[in-house]
N, C-alpha and C. Protein backbone atom coordinates (compact mmCIF):
# COMPACT_ATOMS: atom_id res chain seq x y z
N ASP A 1 35.95 179.11 55.91
CA ASP A 1 36.03 180.54 56.06
C ASP A 1 37.46 180.93 56.47
N SER A 2 38.06 181.79 55.66
CA SER A 2 39.39 182.22 55.80
C SER A 2 39.57 183.32 56.82
N GLY A 3 38.42 183.92 57.15
CA GLY A 3 38.51 185.05 58.18
C GLY A 3 39.03 186.35 57.52
N CYS A 4 39.15 186.35 56.19
CA CYS A 4 39.67 187.53 55.45
C CYS A 4 38.53 188.39 55.04
N GLU A 5 38.86 189.69 54.89
CA GLU A 5 37.92 190.69 54.42
C GLU A 5 38.49 191.32 53.18
N GLU A 6 37.71 191.41 52.13
CA GLU A 6 38.24 191.99 50.86
C GLU A 6 37.63 193.35 50.57
N LEU A 7 38.41 194.25 50.30
CA LEU A 7 38.03 195.58 49.91
C LEU A 7 38.40 195.75 48.45
N SER A 8 37.47 196.21 47.55
CA SER A 8 37.86 196.30 46.19
C SER A 8 37.15 197.55 45.57
N HIS A 9 37.81 198.04 44.43
CA HIS A 9 37.24 199.12 43.70
C HIS A 9 37.59 198.84 42.24
N ASN A 10 36.58 199.02 41.35
CA ASN A 10 36.82 198.77 39.96
C ASN A 10 36.11 199.94 39.17
N GLU A 11 36.94 200.70 38.48
CA GLU A 11 36.47 201.91 37.79
C GLU A 11 37.29 202.06 36.51
N ASP A 12 36.64 202.23 35.40
CA ASP A 12 37.32 202.46 34.09
C ASP A 12 38.40 201.37 33.89
N LYS A 13 39.68 201.67 33.76
CA LYS A 13 40.69 200.76 33.55
C LYS A 13 41.55 200.53 34.84
N THR A 14 40.93 200.81 35.97
CA THR A 14 41.61 200.67 37.26
C THR A 14 40.95 199.64 38.12
N TYR A 15 41.74 198.78 38.73
CA TYR A 15 41.21 197.80 39.70
C TYR A 15 42.10 197.75 40.84
N ARG A 16 41.54 197.90 42.07
CA ARG A 16 42.33 197.87 43.29
C ARG A 16 41.58 196.88 44.30
N LYS A 17 42.38 196.03 44.86
CA LYS A 17 41.82 195.09 45.87
C LYS A 17 42.83 194.98 46.98
N VAL A 18 42.31 195.07 48.26
CA VAL A 18 43.10 194.86 49.44
C VAL A 18 42.45 193.80 50.22
N VAL A 19 43.27 192.85 50.73
CA VAL A 19 42.74 191.76 51.54
C VAL A 19 43.24 191.97 52.91
N LEU A 20 42.28 191.93 53.93
CA LEU A 20 42.66 192.12 55.33
C LEU A 20 42.40 190.88 56.12
N LYS A 21 43.17 190.63 57.10
CA LYS A 21 42.85 189.61 58.10
C LYS A 21 43.21 190.17 59.49
N ASN A 22 42.22 190.16 60.39
CA ASN A 22 42.38 190.76 61.71
C ASN A 22 42.88 192.27 61.55
N ASN A 23 42.30 192.97 60.68
CA ASN A 23 42.58 194.34 60.42
C ASN A 23 44.01 194.63 59.92
N LYS A 24 44.72 193.62 59.40
CA LYS A 24 46.05 193.80 58.86
C LYS A 24 46.02 193.42 57.37
N VAL A 25 46.74 194.16 56.56
CA VAL A 25 46.81 193.89 55.13
C VAL A 25 47.60 192.61 54.92
N VAL A 26 46.97 191.63 54.17
CA VAL A 26 47.70 190.40 53.92
C VAL A 26 47.85 190.17 52.42
N GLY A 27 47.27 191.08 51.60
CA GLY A 27 47.36 190.96 50.19
C GLY A 27 46.82 192.15 49.50
N LEU A 28 47.30 192.39 48.23
CA LEU A 28 46.84 193.52 47.49
C LEU A 28 47.04 193.27 45.97
N ILE A 29 46.15 193.87 45.23
CA ILE A 29 46.24 193.81 43.76
C ILE A 29 45.88 195.17 43.29
N PHE A 30 46.77 195.75 42.49
CA PHE A 30 46.50 197.10 41.87
C PHE A 30 46.74 196.94 40.38
N VAL A 31 45.82 197.25 39.58
CA VAL A 31 45.97 197.20 38.10
C VAL A 31 45.52 198.54 37.53
N GLY A 32 46.32 199.06 36.63
CA GLY A 32 46.04 200.36 36.06
C GLY A 32 46.74 201.44 36.89
N SER A 33 46.04 202.09 37.67
CA SER A 33 46.60 203.12 38.55
C SER A 33 47.22 202.49 39.77
N ILE A 34 48.52 202.55 39.87
CA ILE A 34 49.22 201.79 40.94
C ILE A 34 49.90 202.75 41.89
N GLU A 35 49.60 204.09 41.85
CA GLU A 35 50.36 205.06 42.59
C GLU A 35 50.37 204.74 44.12
N LYS A 36 49.28 204.36 44.70
CA LYS A 36 49.13 204.15 46.18
C LYS A 36 49.50 202.80 46.58
N SER A 37 49.87 201.89 45.70
CA SER A 37 50.23 200.49 46.04
C SER A 37 51.44 200.41 46.97
N GLY A 38 52.40 201.37 46.88
CA GLY A 38 53.53 201.37 47.72
C GLY A 38 53.22 201.67 49.16
N VAL A 39 52.25 202.56 49.37
CA VAL A 39 51.84 202.90 50.69
C VAL A 39 51.10 201.67 51.35
N ILE A 40 50.25 201.07 50.59
CA ILE A 40 49.50 199.88 51.05
C ILE A 40 50.50 198.74 51.35
N TYR A 41 51.46 198.56 50.47
CA TYR A 41 52.46 197.47 50.63
C TYR A 41 53.27 197.70 51.95
N GLY A 42 53.58 198.97 52.23
CA GLY A 42 54.35 199.28 53.46
C GLY A 42 53.49 198.89 54.66
N LEU A 43 52.25 199.09 54.65
CA LEU A 43 51.35 198.74 55.72
C LEU A 43 51.34 197.18 55.88
N LEU A 44 51.29 196.45 54.77
CA LEU A 44 51.37 194.99 54.84
C LEU A 44 52.78 194.55 55.39
N LYS A 45 53.77 195.08 54.81
CA LYS A 45 55.16 194.71 55.28
C LYS A 45 55.37 194.89 56.81
N ASP A 46 54.82 195.98 57.28
CA ASP A 46 54.98 196.30 58.72
C ASP A 46 53.92 195.79 59.66
N GLY A 47 52.99 195.13 59.08
CA GLY A 47 51.93 194.48 59.88
C GLY A 47 51.09 195.51 60.68
N VAL A 48 50.80 196.65 60.07
CA VAL A 48 50.11 197.73 60.72
C VAL A 48 48.63 197.34 60.84
N ASP A 49 48.05 197.71 61.96
CA ASP A 49 46.59 197.51 62.17
C ASP A 49 45.88 198.72 61.48
N VAL A 50 45.20 198.40 60.41
CA VAL A 50 44.56 199.43 59.60
C VAL A 50 43.12 199.65 59.99
N GLY A 51 42.67 198.99 60.96
CA GLY A 51 41.26 199.10 61.44
C GLY A 51 40.72 200.49 61.50
N PRO A 52 41.47 201.43 62.11
CA PRO A 52 40.93 202.85 62.25
C PRO A 52 40.74 203.49 60.92
N PHE A 53 41.38 203.10 59.85
CA PHE A 53 41.29 203.87 58.58
C PHE A 53 41.07 202.90 57.42
N LYS A 54 40.60 201.68 57.68
CA LYS A 54 40.52 200.72 56.56
C LYS A 54 39.44 201.19 55.44
N SER A 55 38.49 201.90 55.88
CA SER A 55 37.50 202.39 54.91
C SER A 55 38.08 203.43 53.91
N ASP A 56 39.27 203.94 54.19
CA ASP A 56 39.98 204.89 53.36
C ASP A 56 40.99 204.24 52.42
N LEU A 57 41.33 202.91 52.62
CA LEU A 57 42.44 202.34 51.92
C LEU A 57 42.36 202.46 50.36
N LEU A 58 41.19 202.43 49.84
CA LEU A 58 41.07 202.44 48.40
C LEU A 58 40.67 203.83 47.83
N ALA A 59 40.72 204.85 48.67
CA ALA A 59 40.44 206.19 48.23
C ALA A 59 41.42 206.64 47.24
N GLU A 60 40.99 207.43 46.30
CA GLU A 60 41.91 207.97 45.26
C GLU A 60 43.06 208.79 45.91
N ASP A 61 42.72 209.48 46.96
CA ASP A 61 43.73 210.37 47.56
C ASP A 61 44.33 209.72 48.81
N PHE A 62 44.28 208.40 48.97
CA PHE A 62 44.79 207.74 50.16
C PHE A 62 46.32 208.03 50.31
N GLY A 63 46.71 208.30 51.55
CA GLY A 63 48.12 208.60 51.84
C GLY A 63 48.27 208.79 53.35
N LEU A 64 49.38 209.38 53.70
CA LEU A 64 49.70 209.62 55.13
C LEU A 64 48.65 210.40 55.86
N ALA A 65 47.92 211.29 55.13
CA ALA A 65 46.94 212.16 55.81
C ALA A 65 45.79 211.31 56.37
N HIS A 66 45.63 210.05 55.87
CA HIS A 66 44.54 209.23 56.35
C HIS A 66 45.03 208.39 57.63
N PHE A 67 46.29 208.41 57.87
CA PHE A 67 46.82 207.66 59.01
C PHE A 67 46.39 208.31 60.30
N PRO A 68 46.28 207.56 61.41
CA PRO A 68 46.09 208.16 62.65
C PRO A 68 47.35 208.99 62.98
N HIS A 69 47.20 210.05 63.76
CA HIS A 69 48.32 210.95 64.05
C HIS A 69 49.67 210.26 64.50
N GLU A 70 49.58 209.38 65.43
CA GLU A 70 50.76 208.68 65.91
C GLU A 70 51.45 207.93 64.74
N LEU A 71 50.71 207.18 64.04
CA LEU A 71 51.31 206.31 62.92
C LEU A 71 51.84 207.22 61.87
N ARG A 72 51.20 208.32 61.53
CA ARG A 72 51.70 209.35 60.59
C ARG A 72 53.07 209.86 61.04
N GLN A 73 53.10 210.25 62.31
CA GLN A 73 54.40 210.80 62.84
C GLN A 73 55.54 209.77 62.77
N GLN A 74 55.18 208.49 63.06
CA GLN A 74 56.25 207.42 63.04
C GLN A 74 56.75 207.31 61.56
N ARG A 75 55.78 207.30 60.58
CA ARG A 75 56.18 207.14 59.23
C ARG A 75 57.06 208.33 58.73
N LEU A 76 56.71 209.52 59.17
CA LEU A 76 57.47 210.71 58.77
C LEU A 76 58.86 210.66 59.35
N ARG A 77 59.00 210.27 60.65
CA ARG A 77 60.28 210.14 61.32
C ARG A 77 61.14 209.12 60.56
N ALA A 78 60.54 207.98 60.22
CA ALA A 78 61.28 206.96 59.57
C ALA A 78 61.80 207.39 58.21
N ALA A 79 60.98 208.18 57.45
CA ALA A 79 61.31 208.68 56.15
C ALA A 79 62.49 209.72 56.32
N GLU A 80 62.47 210.54 57.37
CA GLU A 80 63.52 211.47 57.61
C GLU A 80 64.77 210.80 57.98
N GLU A 81 64.77 209.67 58.52
CA GLU A 81 65.99 208.93 58.99
C GLU A 81 66.59 208.08 57.90
N ASN A 82 65.79 207.84 56.84
CA ASN A 82 66.23 206.96 55.76
C ASN A 82 67.25 207.69 54.87
N PRO A 83 68.47 207.11 54.71
CA PRO A 83 69.49 207.79 53.94
C PRO A 83 69.05 208.23 52.54
N LEU A 84 68.30 207.37 51.89
CA LEU A 84 67.81 207.68 50.46
C LEU A 84 66.93 208.95 50.55
N THR A 85 66.07 209.05 51.55
CA THR A 85 65.17 210.22 51.66
C THR A 85 66.01 211.40 51.98
N LYS A 86 67.02 211.28 52.88
CA LYS A 86 67.89 212.43 53.22
C LYS A 86 68.55 212.95 52.00
N ALA A 87 69.03 212.08 51.15
CA ALA A 87 69.72 212.52 49.93
C ALA A 87 68.79 213.30 49.02
N ARG A 88 67.52 212.90 48.92
CA ARG A 88 66.50 213.60 48.03
C ARG A 88 66.16 214.92 48.69
N LEU A 89 66.16 215.04 50.02
CA LEU A 89 65.75 216.22 50.70
C LEU A 89 66.82 217.31 50.73
N ARG A 90 68.03 216.93 50.54
CA ARG A 90 69.12 217.87 50.57
C ARG A 90 68.98 218.86 49.41
N LYS A 91 69.22 220.12 49.76
CA LYS A 91 69.13 221.15 48.70
C LYS A 91 70.38 221.10 47.97
N PRO A 92 70.29 221.33 46.62
CA PRO A 92 71.47 221.38 45.79
C PRO A 92 72.32 222.59 46.21
N ALA A 93 73.68 222.47 46.02
CA ALA A 93 74.56 223.54 46.35
C ALA A 93 74.32 224.68 45.34
N LEU A 94 74.42 225.89 45.83
CA LEU A 94 74.22 227.04 44.95
C LEU A 94 75.50 227.18 44.05
N VAL A 95 75.31 227.50 42.84
CA VAL A 95 76.38 227.72 41.86
C VAL A 95 76.48 229.14 41.53
N ASP A 96 77.69 229.71 41.66
CA ASP A 96 77.86 231.16 41.31
C ASP A 96 77.94 231.30 39.75
């Protein structure tokens, strides 16, 4: 017994699987539609306890809105402090 829990979704040409251990993401496979894989990978990389929202991990619309408030705020602050995000958020200079 590996103590792992597997969540999966298979529909049309899309397959998504997330492997959890102690409510933390330890693996993922996304085939076809991979849009949300980066969000899930970030949770894996940071060792986030996904217990409170694990039932939403494979939802089509999964994203920051599914995170608990405190985690969502942490993620938003981190994105705002990231130099790459700052560059994208800057408004272009007006041209006369």
